Amino acid sequence: MAEECIFCNIVNGKTDTQFLYRDDRVVAFADIHPHAPVHDLIVPFQHIRSVNDLQSLDQELMAHMVMTGRELARQRGVDQSGYKLLFNVEWGGGQRIFHIHMHLLGGWDKEK
């Protein structure tokens, strides 16, 4: 765990964050600075700094994060209208918290 990592604190229950989803590998919660009507974060318990720090043994975790995003989109009612699953990678790619996480963004109006 990185020293003073906010996501490590959140996944380990050291904050009052309300989880939308939790299992033995990841948690999901609403982004506090949403960029869409539905903007949730899927965060693994395991501290991995960035996509650039992934190892081949992390493939199952990454697949689990994507499948969790898909299920969360269904639960949040955006699976049929459409959604994005997004990783920001490194500072230049928009990553501001250096604990890997995936964004679920959706909830925009359906096609008219």
PDB file of N, CA and C in Angstrom:
ATOM      1  N   MET A   1       0.841  -1.186   0.000  1.00  0.00           N
ATOM      2  CA  MET A   1       0.000   0.000   0.000  1.00  0.00           C
ATOM      3  C   MET A   1       0.872   1.230   0.000  1.00  0.00           C
ATOM      4  N   ALA A   2       0.537   2.180  -0.841  1.00  0.00           N
ATOM      5  CA  ALA A   2       1.261   3.443  -0.874  1.00  0.00           C
ATOM      6  C   ALA A   2       0.903   4.259   0.361  1.00  0.00           C
ATOM      7  N   GLU A   3       1.871   4.954   0.885  1.00  0.00           N
ATOM      8  CA  GLU A   3       1.638   5.801   2.050  1.00  0.00           C
ATOM      9  C   GLU A   3       0.621   6.893   1.704  1.00  0.00           C
ATOM     10  N   GLU A   4      -0.399   7.019   2.538  1.00  0.00           N
ATOM     11  CA  GLU A   4      -1.416   8.056   2.376  1.00  0.00           C
ATOM     12  C   GLU A   4      -2.191   7.958   1.059  1.00  0.00           C
ATOM     13  N   CYS A   5      -2.436   6.766   0.573  1.00  0.00           N
ATOM     14  CA  CYS A   5      -3.246   6.580  -0.636  1.00  0.00           C
ATOM     15  C   CYS A   5      -4.724   6.641  -0.248  1.00  0.00           C
ATOM     16  N   ILE A   6      -5.433   7.621  -0.782  1.00  0.00           N
ATOM     17  CA  ILE A   6      -6.841   7.800  -0.441  1.00  0.00           C
ATOM     18  C   ILE A   6      -7.673   6.578  -0.831  1.00  0.00           C
ATOM     19  N   PHE A   7      -7.374   5.958  -1.967  1.00  0.00           N
ATOM     20  CA  PHE A   7      -8.151   4.786  -2.367  1.00  0.00           C
ATOM     21  C   PHE A   7      -7.856   3.582  -1.479  1.00  0.00           C
ATOM     22  N   CYS A   8      -6.626   3.440  -1.009  1.00  0.00           N
ATOM     23  CA  CYS A   8      -6.337   2.367  -0.045  1.00  0.00           C
ATOM     24  C   CYS A   8      -7.145   2.584   1.230  1.00  0.00           C
ATOM     25  N   ASN A   9      -7.232   3.838   1.669  1.00  0.00           N
ATOM     26  CA  ASN A   9      -8.039   4.140   2.854  1.00  0.00           C
ATOM     27  C   ASN A   9      -9.511   3.830   2.617  1.00  0.00           C
ATOM     28  N   ILE A  10     -10.018   4.180   1.447  1.00  0.00           N
ATOM     29  CA  ILE A  10     -11.428   3.935   1.139  1.00  0.00           C
ATOM     30  C   ILE A  10     -11.721   2.433   1.095  1.00  0.00           C
ATOM     31  N   VAL A  11     -10.944   1.670   0.323  1.00  0.00           N
ATOM     32  CA  VAL A  11     -11.243   0.234   0.189  1.00  0.00           C
ATOM     33  C   VAL A  11     -11.074  -0.515   1.495  1.00  0.00           C
ATOM     34  N   ASN A  12     -10.236   0.006   2.379  1.00  0.00           N
ATOM     35  CA  ASN A  12     -10.015  -0.642   3.675  1.00  0.00           C
ATOM     36  C   ASN A  12     -10.933  -0.110   4.768  1.00  0.00           C
ATOM     37  N   GLY A  13     -11.951   0.663   4.395  1.00  0.00           N
ATOM     38  CA  GLY A  13     -12.969   1.097   5.335  1.00  0.00           C
ATOM     39  C   GLY A  13     -12.538   2.188   6.295  1.00  0.00           C
ATOM     40  N   LYS A  14     -11.520   2.928   5.952  1.00  0.00           N
ATOM     41  CA  LYS A  14     -11.034   3.998   6.839  1.00  0.00           C
ATOM     42  C   LYS A  14     -11.714   5.339   6.576  1.00  0.00           C
ATOM     43  N   THR A  15     -12.708   5.344   5.695  1.00  0.00           N
ATOM     44  CA  THR A  15     -13.500   6.541   5.426  1.00  0.00           C
ATOM     45  C   THR A  15     -14.969   6.153   5.538  1.00  0.00           C
ATOM     46  N   ASP A  16     -15.849   7.121   5.422  1.00  0.00           N
ATOM     47  CA  ASP A  16     -17.276   6.819   5.504  1.00  0.00           C
ATOM     48  C   ASP A  16     -17.905   6.667   4.114  1.00  0.00           C
ATOM     49  N   THR A  17     -17.110   6.287   3.141  1.00  0.00           N
ATOM     50  CA  THR A  17     -17.583   6.109   1.771  1.00  0.00           C
ATOM     51  C   THR A  17     -18.651   5.025   1.704  1.00  0.00           C
ATOM     52  N   GLN A  18     -19.740   5.330   1.027  1.00  0.00           N
ATOM     53  CA  GLN A  18     -20.816   4.358   0.839  1.00  0.00           C
ATOM     54  C   GLN A  18     -20.536   3.569  -0.439  1.00  0.00           C
ATOM     55  N   PHE A  19     -20.423   2.264  -0.315  1.00  0.00           N
ATOM     56  CA  PHE A  19     -20.145   1.425  -1.467  1.00  0.00           C
ATOM     57  C   PHE A  19     -21.430   1.062  -2.201  1.00  0.00           C
ATOM     58  N   LEU A  20     -21.356   1.139  -3.514  1.00  0.00           N
ATOM     59  CA  LEU A  20     -22.438   0.678  -4.373  1.00  0.00           C
ATOM     60  C   LEU A  20     -22.303  -0.817  -4.632  1.00  0.00           C
ATOM     61  N   TYR A  21     -21.064  -1.298  -4.509  1.00  0.00           N
ATOM     62  CA  TYR A  21     -20.748  -2.703  -4.771  1.00  0.00           C
ATOM     63  C   TYR A  21     -19.488  -3.037  -3.986  1.00  0.00           C
ATOM     64  N   ARG A  22     -19.407  -4.278  -3.524  1.00  0.00           N
ATOM     65  CA  ARG A  22     -18.212  -4.742  -2.818  1.00  0.00           C
ATOM     66  C   ARG A  22     -18.136  -6.250  -2.937  1.00  0.00           C
ATOM     67  N   ASP A  23     -16.958  -6.760  -3.251  1.00  0.00           N
ATOM     68  CA  ASP A  23     -16.703  -8.190  -3.194  1.00  0.00           C
ATOM     69  C   ASP A  23     -15.307  -8.378  -2.613  1.00  0.00           C
ATOM     70  N   ASP A  24     -14.716  -9.544  -2.823  1.00  0.00           N
ATOM     71  CA  ASP A  24     -13.405  -9.803  -2.214  1.00  0.00           C
ATOM     72  C   ASP A  24     -12.234  -9.190  -2.976  1.00  0.00           C
ATOM     73  N   ARG A  25     -12.493  -8.547  -4.137  1.00  0.00           N
ATOM     74  CA  ARG A  25     -11.409  -7.965  -4.939  1.00  0.00           C
ATOM     75  C   ARG A  25     -11.547  -6.478  -5.216  1.00  0.00           C
ATOM     76  N   VAL A  26     -12.795  -6.000  -5.295  1.00  0.00           N
ATOM     77  CA  VAL A  26     -13.021  -4.602  -5.668  1.00  0.00           C
ATOM     78  C   VAL A  26     -14.173  -3.995  -4.873  1.00  0.00           C
ATOM     79  N   VAL A  27     -14.195  -2.672  -4.870  1.00  0.00           N
ATOM     80  CA  VAL A  27     -15.358  -1.923  -4.387  1.00  0.00           C
ATOM     81  C   VAL A  27     -15.738  -0.931  -5.480  1.00  0.00           C
ATOM     82  N   ALA A  28     -16.962  -0.437  -5.409  1.00  0.00           N
ATOM     83  CA  ALA A  28     -17.417   0.606  -6.325  1.00  0.00           C
ATOM     84  C   ALA A  28     -18.158   1.653  -5.505  1.00  0.00           C
ATOM     85  N   PHE A  29     -17.954   2.907  -5.886  1.00  0.00           N
ATOM     86  CA  PHE A  29     -18.608   4.010  -5.202  1.00  0.00           C
ATOM     87  C   PHE A  29     -18.728   5.182  -6.165  1.00  0.00           C
ATOM     88  N   ALA A  30     -19.627   6.120  -5.836  1.00  0.00           N
ATOM     89  CA  ALA A  30     -19.854   7.282  -6.684  1.00  0.00           C
ATOM     90  C   ALA A  30     -18.650   8.221  -6.615  1.00  0.00           C
ATOM     91  N   ASP A  31     -18.288   8.773  -7.764  1.00  0.00           N
ATOM     92  CA  ASP A  31     -17.213   9.761  -7.838  1.00  0.00           C
ATOM     93  C   ASP A  31     -17.701  11.046  -7.171  1.00  0.00           C
ATOM     94  N   ILE A  32     -16.859  11.678  -6.357  1.00  0.00           N
ATOM     95  CA  ILE A  32     -17.279  12.901  -5.665  1.00  0.00           C
ATOM     96  C   ILE A  32     -17.237  14.127  -6.587  1.00  0.00           C
ATOM     97  N   HIS A  33     -16.628  13.991  -7.748  1.00  0.00           N
ATOM     98  CA  HIS A  33     -16.599  15.054  -8.757  1.00  0.00           C
ATOM     99  C   HIS A  33     -17.104  14.478 -10.076  1.00  0.00           C
ATOM    100  N   PRO A  34     -18.422  14.204 -10.177  1.00  0.00           N
ATOM    101  CA  PRO A  34     -18.943  13.492 -11.348  1.00  0.00           C
ATOM    102  C   PRO A  34     -18.847  14.297 -12.638  1.00  0.00           C
ATOM    103  N   HIS A  35     -18.571  13.570 -13.721  1.00  0.00           N
ATOM    104  CA  HIS A  35     -18.515  14.137 -15.070  1.00  0.00           C
ATOM    105  C   HIS A  35     -19.649  13.613 -15.944  1.00  0.00           C
ATOM    106  N   ALA A  36     -20.598  12.924 -15.322  1.00  0.00           N
ATOM    107  CA  ALA A  36     -21.750  12.360 -16.024  1.00  0.00           C
ATOM    108  C   ALA A  36     -22.850  12.146 -14.991  1.00  0.00           C
ATOM    109  N   PRO A  37     -24.099  11.986 -15.441  1.00  0.00           N
ATOM    110  CA  PRO A  37     -25.177  11.711 -14.483  1.00  0.00           C
ATOM    111  C   PRO A  37     -24.890  10.487 -13.606  1.00  0.00           C
ATOM    112  N   VAL A  38     -24.287   9.463 -14.169  1.00  0.00           N
ATOM    113  CA  VAL A  38     -23.792   8.315 -13.403  1.00  0.00           C
ATOM    114  C   VAL A  38     -22.279   8.305 -13.581  1.00  0.00           C
ATOM    115  N   HIS A  39     -21.550   8.462 -12.494  1.00  0.00           N
ATOM    116  CA  HIS A  39     -20.086   8.439 -12.545  1.00  0.00           C
ATOM    117  C   HIS A  39     -19.603   7.718 -11.302  1.00  0.00           C
ATOM    118  N   ASP A  40     -19.279   6.450 -11.487  1.00  0.00           N
ATOM    119  CA  ASP A  40     -18.833   5.597 -10.392  1.00  0.00           C
ATOM    120  C   ASP A  40     -17.398   5.167 -10.631  1.00  0.00           C
ATOM    121  N   LEU A  41     -16.735   4.791  -9.550  1.00  0.00           N
ATOM    122  CA  LEU A  41     -15.362   4.297  -9.619  1.00  0.00           C
ATOM    123  C   LEU A  41     -15.331   2.852  -9.160  1.00  0.00           C
ATOM    124  N   ILE A  42     -14.625   2.015  -9.884  1.00  0.00           N
ATOM    125  CA  ILE A  42     -14.392   0.626  -9.501  1.00  0.00           C
ATOM    126  C   ILE A  42     -12.914   0.546  -9.116  1.00  0.00           C
ATOM    127  N   VAL A  43     -12.663   0.195  -7.858  1.00  0.00           N
ATOM    128  CA  VAL A  43     -11.308   0.272  -7.298  1.00  0.00           C
ATOM    129  C   VAL A  43     -10.945  -1.075  -6.673  1.00  0.00           C
ATOM    130  N   PRO A  44      -9.813  -1.651  -7.056  1.00  0.00           N
ATOM    131  CA  PRO A  44      -9.406  -2.911  -6.432  1.00  0.00           C
ATOM    132  C   PRO A  44      -8.810  -2.684  -5.042  1.00  0.00           C
ATOM    133  N   PHE A  45      -8.910  -3.695  -4.197  1.00  0.00           N
ATOM    134  CA  PHE A  45      -8.246  -3.650  -2.900  1.00  0.00           C
ATOM    135  C   PHE A  45      -6.730  -3.596  -3.091  1.00  0.00           C
ATOM    136  N   GLN A  46      -6.246  -4.339  -4.055  1.00  0.00           N
ATOM    137  CA  GLN A  46      -4.805  -4.397  -4.315  1.00  0.00           C
ATOM    138  C   GLN A  46      -4.312  -3.043  -4.832  1.00  0.00           C
ATOM    139  N   HIS A  47      -3.272  -2.523  -4.201  1.00  0.00           N
ATOM    140  CA  HIS A  47      -2.710  -1.247  -4.655  1.00  0.00           C
ATOM    141  C   HIS A  47      -1.791  -1.503  -5.850  1.00  0.00           C
ATOM    142  N   ILE A  48      -2.258  -1.043  -6.997  1.00  0.00           N
ATOM    143  CA  ILE A  48      -1.450  -1.027  -8.220  1.00  0.00           C
ATOM    144  C   ILE A  48      -1.438   0.426  -8.641  1.00  0.00           C
ATOM    145  N   ARG A  49      -0.299   1.003  -8.811  1.00  0.00           N
ATOM    146  CA  ARG A  49      -0.158   2.432  -9.034  1.00  0.00           C
ATOM    147  C   ARG A  49      -0.870   2.925 -10.291  1.00  0.00           C
ATOM    148  N   SER A  50      -0.724   2.224 -11.402  1.00  0.00           N
ATOM    149  CA  SER A  50      -1.229   2.689 -12.694  1.00  0.00           C
ATOM    150  C   SER A  50      -1.351   1.501 -13.636  1.00  0.00           C
ATOM    151  N   VAL A  51      -2.056   1.687 -14.739  1.00  0.00           N
ATOM    152  CA  VAL A  51      -2.101   0.664 -15.782  1.00  0.00           C
ATOM    153  C   VAL A  51      -0.679   0.293 -16.201  1.00  0.00           C
ATOM    154  N   ASN A  52       0.209   1.252 -16.217  1.00  0.00           N
ATOM    155  CA  ASN A  52       1.605   0.983 -16.607  1.00  0.00           C
ATOM    156  C   ASN A  52       2.328   0.056 -15.648  1.00  0.00           C
ATOM    157  N   ASP A  53       1.789  -0.159 -14.460  1.00  0.00           N
ATOM    158  CA  ASP A  53       2.422  -1.017 -13.462  1.00  0.00           C
ATOM    159  C   ASP A  53       1.809  -2.413 -13.396  1.00  0.00           C
ATOM    160  N   LEU A  54       0.864  -2.698 -14.283  1.00  0.00           N
ATOM    161  CA  LEU A  54       0.240  -4.018 -14.292  1.00  0.00           C
ATOM    162  C   LEU A  54       1.246  -5.096 -14.661  1.00  0.00           C
ATOM    163  N   GLN A  55       1.066  -6.248 -14.066  1.00  0.00           N
ATOM    164  CA  GLN A  55       1.864  -7.434 -14.364  1.00  0.00           C
ATOM    165  C   GLN A  55       0.934  -8.456 -15.037  1.00  0.00           C
ATOM    166  N   SER A  56       1.498  -9.441 -15.690  1.00  0.00           N
ATOM    167  CA  SER A  56       0.662 -10.438 -16.365  1.00  0.00           C
ATOM    168  C   SER A  56      -0.268 -11.150 -15.383  1.00  0.00           C
ATOM    169  N   LEU A  57       0.127 -11.294 -14.129  1.00  0.00           N
ATOM    170  CA  LEU A  57      -0.727 -11.951 -13.142  1.00  0.00           C
ATOM    171  C   LEU A  57      -1.929 -11.102 -12.752  1.00  0.00           C
ATOM    172  N   ASP A  58      -1.991  -9.847 -13.191  1.00  0.00           N
ATOM    173  CA  ASP A  58      -3.119  -8.968 -12.895  1.00  0.00           C
ATOM    174  C   ASP A  58      -4.241  -9.065 -13.927  1.00  0.00           C
ATOM    175  N   GLN A  59      -4.092  -9.914 -14.936  1.00  0.00           N
ATOM    176  CA  GLN A  59      -5.103 -10.003 -15.988  1.00  0.00           C
ATOM    177  C   GLN A  59      -6.474 -10.385 -15.455  1.00  0.00           C
ATOM    178  N   GLU A  60      -6.533 -11.314 -14.534  1.00  0.00           N
ATOM    179  CA  GLU A  60      -7.822 -11.741 -13.976  1.00  0.00           C
ATOM    180  C   GLU A  60      -8.479 -10.595 -13.214  1.00  0.00           C
ATOM    181  N   LEU A  61      -7.698  -9.836 -12.469  1.00  0.00           N
ATOM    182  CA  LEU A  61      -8.246  -8.683 -11.747  1.00  0.00           C
ATOM    183  C   LEU A  61      -8.811  -7.654 -12.721  1.00  0.00           C
ATOM    184  N   MET A  62      -8.105  -7.382 -13.800  1.00  0.00           N
ATOM    185  CA  MET A  62      -8.575  -6.399 -14.774  1.00  0.00           C
ATOM    186  C   MET A  62      -9.871  -6.868 -15.437  1.00  0.00           C
ATOM    187  N   ALA A  63      -9.941  -8.142 -15.785  1.00  0.00           N
ATOM    188  CA  ALA A  63     -11.178  -8.690 -16.354  1.00  0.00           C
ATOM    189  C   ALA A  63     -12.314  -8.581 -15.340  1.00  0.00           C
ATOM    190  N   HIS A  64     -12.010  -8.839 -14.086  1.00  0.00           N
ATOM    191  CA  HIS A  64     -13.021  -8.731 -13.027  1.00  0.00           C
ATOM    192  C   HIS A  64     -13.517  -7.292 -12.906  1.00  0.00           C
ATOM    193  N   MET A  65     -12.626  -6.331 -13.011  1.00  0.00           N
ATOM    194  CA  MET A  65     -13.035  -4.923 -12.941  1.00  0.00           C
ATOM    195  C   MET A  65     -13.984  -4.576 -14.086  1.00  0.00           C
ATOM    196  N   VAL A  66     -13.677  -5.040 -15.293  1.00  0.00           N
ATOM    197  CA  VAL A  66     -14.549  -4.762 -16.446  1.00  0.00           C
ATOM    198  C   VAL A  66     -15.912  -5.430 -16.259  1.00  0.00           C
ATOM    199  N   MET A  67     -15.922  -6.670 -15.822  1.00  0.00           N
ATOM    200  CA  MET A  67     -17.197  -7.364 -15.609  1.00  0.00           C
ATOM    201  C   MET A  67     -17.998  -6.701 -14.483  1.00  0.00           C
ATOM    202  N   THR A  68     -17.314  -6.205 -13.461  1.00  0.00           N
ATOM    203  CA  THR A  68     -17.983  -5.476 -12.394  1.00  0.00           C
ATOM    204  C   THR A  68     -18.586  -4.185 -12.946  1.00  0.00           C
ATOM    205  N   GLY A  69     -17.851  -3.500 -13.809  1.00  0.00           N
ATOM    206  CA  GLY A  69     -18.372  -2.292 -14.443  1.00  0.00           C
ATOM    207  C   GLY A  69     -19.621  -2.571 -15.246  1.00  0.00           C
ATOM    208  N   ARG A  70     -19.616  -3.671 -15.976  1.00  0.00           N
ATOM    209  CA  ARG A  70     -20.794  -4.054 -16.760  1.00  0.00           C
ATOM    210  C   ARG A  70     -21.994  -4.313 -15.853  1.00  0.00           C
ATOM    211  N   GLU A  71     -21.790  -5.045 -14.773  1.00  0.00           N
ATOM    212  CA  GLU A  71     -22.881  -5.344 -13.846  1.00  0.00           C
ATOM    213  C   GLU A  71     -23.361  -4.075 -13.140  1.00  0.00           C
ATOM    214  N   LEU A  72     -22.442  -3.214 -12.763  1.00  0.00           N
ATOM    215  CA  LEU A  72     -22.815  -1.967 -12.105  1.00  0.00           C
ATOM    216  C   LEU A  72     -23.616  -1.077 -13.057  1.00  0.00           C
ATOM    217  N   ALA A  73     -23.239  -1.069 -14.331  1.00  0.00           N
ATOM    218  CA  ALA A  73     -24.009  -0.305 -15.332  1.00  0.00           C
ATOM    219  C   ALA A  73     -25.444  -0.815 -15.391  1.00  0.00           C
ATOM    220  N   ARG A  74     -25.621  -2.128 -15.335  1.00  0.00           N
ATOM    221  CA  ARG A  74     -26.972  -2.703 -15.326  1.00  0.00           C
ATOM    222  C   ARG A  74     -27.720  -2.266 -14.074  1.00  0.00           C
ATOM    223  N   GLN A  75     -27.078  -2.379 -12.926  1.00  0.00           N
ATOM    224  CA  GLN A  75     -27.718  -2.006 -11.665  1.00  0.00           C
ATOM    225  C   GLN A  75     -28.076  -0.525 -11.622  1.00  0.00           C
ATOM    226  N   ARG A  76     -27.267   0.307 -12.244  1.00  0.00           N
ATOM    227  CA  ARG A  76     -27.484   1.760 -12.226  1.00  0.00           C
ATOM    228  C   ARG A  76     -28.398   2.219 -13.363  1.00  0.00           C
ATOM    229  N   GLY A  77     -28.847   1.272 -14.202  1.00  0.00           N
ATOM    230  CA  GLY A  77     -29.826   1.569 -15.233  1.00  0.00           C
ATOM    231  C   GLY A  77     -29.282   2.258 -16.465  1.00  0.00           C
ATOM    232  N   VAL A  78     -27.982   2.100 -16.736  1.00  0.00           N
ATOM    233  CA  VAL A  78     -27.398   2.740 -17.916  1.00  0.00           C
ATOM    234  C   VAL A  78     -26.889   1.737 -18.947  1.00  0.00           C
ATOM    235  N   ASP A  79     -27.129   0.461 -18.707  1.00  0.00           N
ATOM    236  CA  ASP A  79     -26.591  -0.559 -19.612  1.00  0.00           C
ATOM    237  C   ASP A  79     -27.221  -0.489 -20.999  1.00  0.00           C
ATOM    238  N   GLN A  80     -28.477  -0.142 -21.099  1.00  0.00           N
ATOM    239  CA  GLN A  80     -29.138  -0.105 -22.405  1.00  0.00           C
ATOM    240  C   GLN A  80     -28.972   1.243 -23.107  1.00  0.00           C
ATOM    241  N   SER A  81     -28.900   2.313 -22.355  1.00  0.00           N
ATOM    242  CA  SER A  81     -28.732   3.641 -22.968  1.00  0.00           C
ATOM    243  C   SER A  81     -27.287   3.899 -23.370  1.00  0.00           C
ATOM    244  N   GLY A  82     -26.363   3.204 -22.735  1.00  0.00           N
ATOM    245  CA  GLY A  82     -24.954   3.321 -23.086  1.00  0.00           C
ATOM    246  C   GLY A  82     -24.120   3.891 -21.953  1.00  0.00           C
ATOM    247  N   TYR A  83     -22.854   3.478 -21.934  1.00  0.00           N
ATOM    248  CA  TYR A  83     -21.937   3.906 -20.879  1.00  0.00           C
ATOM    249  C   TYR A  83     -20.512   3.758 -21.359  1.00  0.00           C
ATOM    250  N   LYS A  84     -19.596   4.323 -20.580  1.00  0.00           N
ATOM    251  CA  LYS A  84     -18.166   4.203 -20.861  1.00  0.00           C
ATOM    252  C   LYS A  84     -17.487   3.566 -19.658  1.00  0.00           C
ATOM    253  N   LEU A  85     -16.490   2.737 -19.941  1.00  0.00           N
ATOM    254  CA  LEU A  85     -15.578   2.236 -18.924  1.00  0.00           C
ATOM    255  C   LEU A  85     -14.219   2.815 -19.288  1.00  0.00           C
ATOM    256  N   LEU A  86     -13.603   3.528 -18.358  1.00  0.00           N
ATOM    257  CA  LEU A  86     -12.442   4.344 -18.695  1.00  0.00           C
ATOM    258  C   LEU A  86     -11.345   4.243 -17.640  1.00  0.00           C
ATOM    259  N   PHE A  87     -10.124   4.098 -18.105  1.00  0.00           N
ATOM    260  CA  PHE A  87      -8.939   4.195 -17.251  1.00  0.00           C
ATOM    261  C   PHE A  87      -8.161   5.436 -17.679  1.00  0.00           C
ATOM    262  N   ASN A  88      -7.858   6.309 -16.741  1.00  0.00           N
ATOM    263  CA  ASN A  88      -6.918   7.396 -17.000  1.00  0.00           C
ATOM    264  C   ASN A  88      -5.542   6.871 -16.601  1.00  0.00           C
ATOM    265  N   VAL A  89      -4.544   7.096 -17.446  1.00  0.00           N
ATOM    266  CA  VAL A  89      -3.224   6.518 -17.207  1.00  0.00           C
ATOM    267  C   VAL A  89      -2.174   7.618 -17.144  1.00  0.00           C
ATOM    268  N   GLU A  90      -1.550   7.720 -15.988  1.00  0.00           N
ATOM    269  CA  GLU A  90      -0.495   8.698 -15.699  1.00  0.00           C
ATOM    270  C   GLU A  90      -1.051  10.124 -15.748  1.00  0.00           C
ATOM    271  N   TRP A  91      -0.264  11.060 -15.280  1.00  0.00           N
ATOM    272  CA  TRP A  91      -0.703  12.449 -15.134  1.00  0.00           C
ATOM    273  C   TRP A  91      -1.200  13.028 -16.459  1.00  0.00           C
ATOM    274  N   GLY A  92      -0.440  12.815 -17.530  1.00  0.00           N
ATOM    275  CA  GLY A  92      -0.817  13.353 -18.832  1.00  0.00           C
ATOM    276  C   GLY A  92      -2.087  12.750 -19.392  1.00  0.00           C
ATOM    277  N   GLY A  93      -2.476  11.586 -18.895  1.00  0.00           N
ATOM    278  CA  GLY A  93      -3.713  10.934 -19.309  1.00  0.00           C
ATOM    279  C   GLY A  93      -4.872  11.211 -18.374  1.00  0.00           C
ATOM    280  N   GLY A  94      -4.664  12.098 -17.420  1.00  0.00           N
ATOM    281  CA  GLY A  94      -5.742  12.492 -16.520  1.00  0.00           C
ATOM    282  C   GLY A  94      -5.778  11.777 -15.180  1.00  0.00           C
ATOM    283  N   GLN A  95      -4.840  10.875 -14.929  1.00  0.00           N
ATOM    284  CA  GLN A  95      -4.839  10.162 -13.651  1.00  0.00           C
ATOM    285  C   GLN A  95      -4.372  11.117 -12.553  1.00  0.00           C
ATOM    286  N   ARG A  96      -5.175  11.230 -11.499  1.00  0.00           N
ATOM    287  CA  ARG A  96      -4.830  12.116 -10.394  1.00  0.00           C
ATOM    288  C   ARG A  96      -4.635  11.358  -9.084  1.00  0.00           C
ATOM    289  N   ILE A  97      -5.214  10.183  -8.993  1.00  0.00           N
ATOM    290  CA  ILE A  97      -4.999   9.323  -7.824  1.00  0.00           C
ATOM    291  C   ILE A  97      -4.268   8.093  -8.324  1.00  0.00           C
ATOM    292  N   PHE A  98      -3.090   7.868  -7.784  1.00  0.00           N
ATOM    293  CA  PHE A  98      -2.231   6.814  -8.306  1.00  0.00           C
ATOM    294  C   PHE A  98      -2.432   5.495  -7.557  1.00  0.00           C
ATOM    295  N   HIS A  99      -3.646   5.001  -7.717  1.00  0.00           N
ATOM    296  CA  HIS A  99      -4.103   3.671  -7.324  1.00  0.00           C
ATOM    297  C   HIS A  99      -5.062   3.322  -8.449  1.00  0.00           C
ATOM    298  N   ILE A 100      -4.749   2.293  -9.207  1.00  0.00           N
ATOM    299  CA  ILE A 100      -5.536   1.982 -10.410  1.00  0.00           C
ATOM    300  C   ILE A 100      -7.028   1.959 -10.093  1.00  0.00           C
ATOM    301  N   HIS A 101      -7.818   2.511 -10.986  1.00  0.00           N
ATOM    302  CA  HIS A 101      -9.267   2.529 -10.837  1.00  0.00           C
ATOM    303  C   HIS A 101      -9.890   2.732 -12.210  1.00  0.00           C
ATOM    304  N   MET A 102     -11.121   2.276 -12.328  1.00  0.00           N
ATOM    305  CA  MET A 102     -11.850   2.383 -13.581  1.00  0.00           C
ATOM    306  C   MET A 102     -13.100   3.229 -13.350  1.00  0.00           C
ATOM    307  N   HIS A 103     -13.375   4.122 -14.288  1.00  0.00           N
ATOM    308  CA  HIS A 103     -14.558   4.969 -14.228  1.00  0.00           C
ATOM    309  C   HIS A 103     -15.692   4.318 -15.019  1.00  0.00           C
ATOM    310  N   LEU A 104     -16.887   4.352 -14.460  1.00  0.00           N
ATOM    311  CA  LEU A 104     -18.127   4.009 -15.164  1.00  0.00           C
ATOM    312  C   LEU A 104     -18.865   5.330 -15.354  1.00  0.00           C
ATOM    313  N   LEU A 105     -19.067   5.725 -16.606  1.00  0.00           N
ATOM    314  CA  LEU A 105     -19.753   6.974 -16.910  1.00  0.00           C
ATOM    315  C   LEU A 105     -20.953   6.674 -17.802  1.00  0.00           C
ATOM    316  N   GLY A 106     -22.088   7.240 -17.461  1.00  0.00           N
ATOM    317  CA  GLY A 106     -23.280   7.033 -18.266  1.00  0.00           C
ATOM    318  C   GLY A 106     -24.421   7.901 -17.776  1.00  0.00           C
ATOM    319  N   GLY A 107     -25.603   7.606 -18.303  1.00  0.00           N
ATOM    320  CA  GLY A 107     -26.796   8.305 -17.868  1.00  0.00           C
ATOM    321  C   GLY A 107     -27.174   9.486 -18.739  1.00  0.00           C
ATOM    322  N   TRP A 108     -26.500   9.651 -19.857  1.00  0.00           N
ATOM    323  CA  TRP A 108     -26.877  10.728 -20.777  1.00  0.00           C
ATOM    324  C   TRP A 108     -28.182  10.332 -21.455  1.00  0.00           C
ATOM    325  N   ASP A 109     -28.857  11.314 -22.024  1.00  0.00           N
ATOM    326  CA  ASP A 109     -30.122  11.045 -22.702  1.00  0.00           C
ATOM    327  C   ASP A 109     -29.942  10.011 -23.807  1.00  0.00           C
ATOM    328  N   LYS A 110     -30.965   9.185 -23.953  1.00  0.00           N
ATOM    329  CA  LYS A 110     -30.978   8.220 -25.053  1.00  0.00           C
ATOM    330  C   LYS A 110     -31.090   8.952 -26.374  1.00  0.00           C
ATOM    331  N   GLU A 111     -30.726   8.256 -27.424  1.00  0.00           N
ATOM    332  CA  GLU A 111     -30.854   8.826 -28.785  1.00  0.00           C
ATOM    333  C   GLU A 111     -32.288   9.254 -29.010  1.00  0.00           C
ATOM    334  N   LYS A 112     -32.463  10.400 -29.598  1.00  0.00           N
ATOM    335  CA  LYS A 112     -33.819  10.931 -29.811  1.00  0.00           C
ATOM    336  C   LYS A 112     -34.335  10.581 -31.174  1.00  0.00           C
TER     337      LYS A 112
END
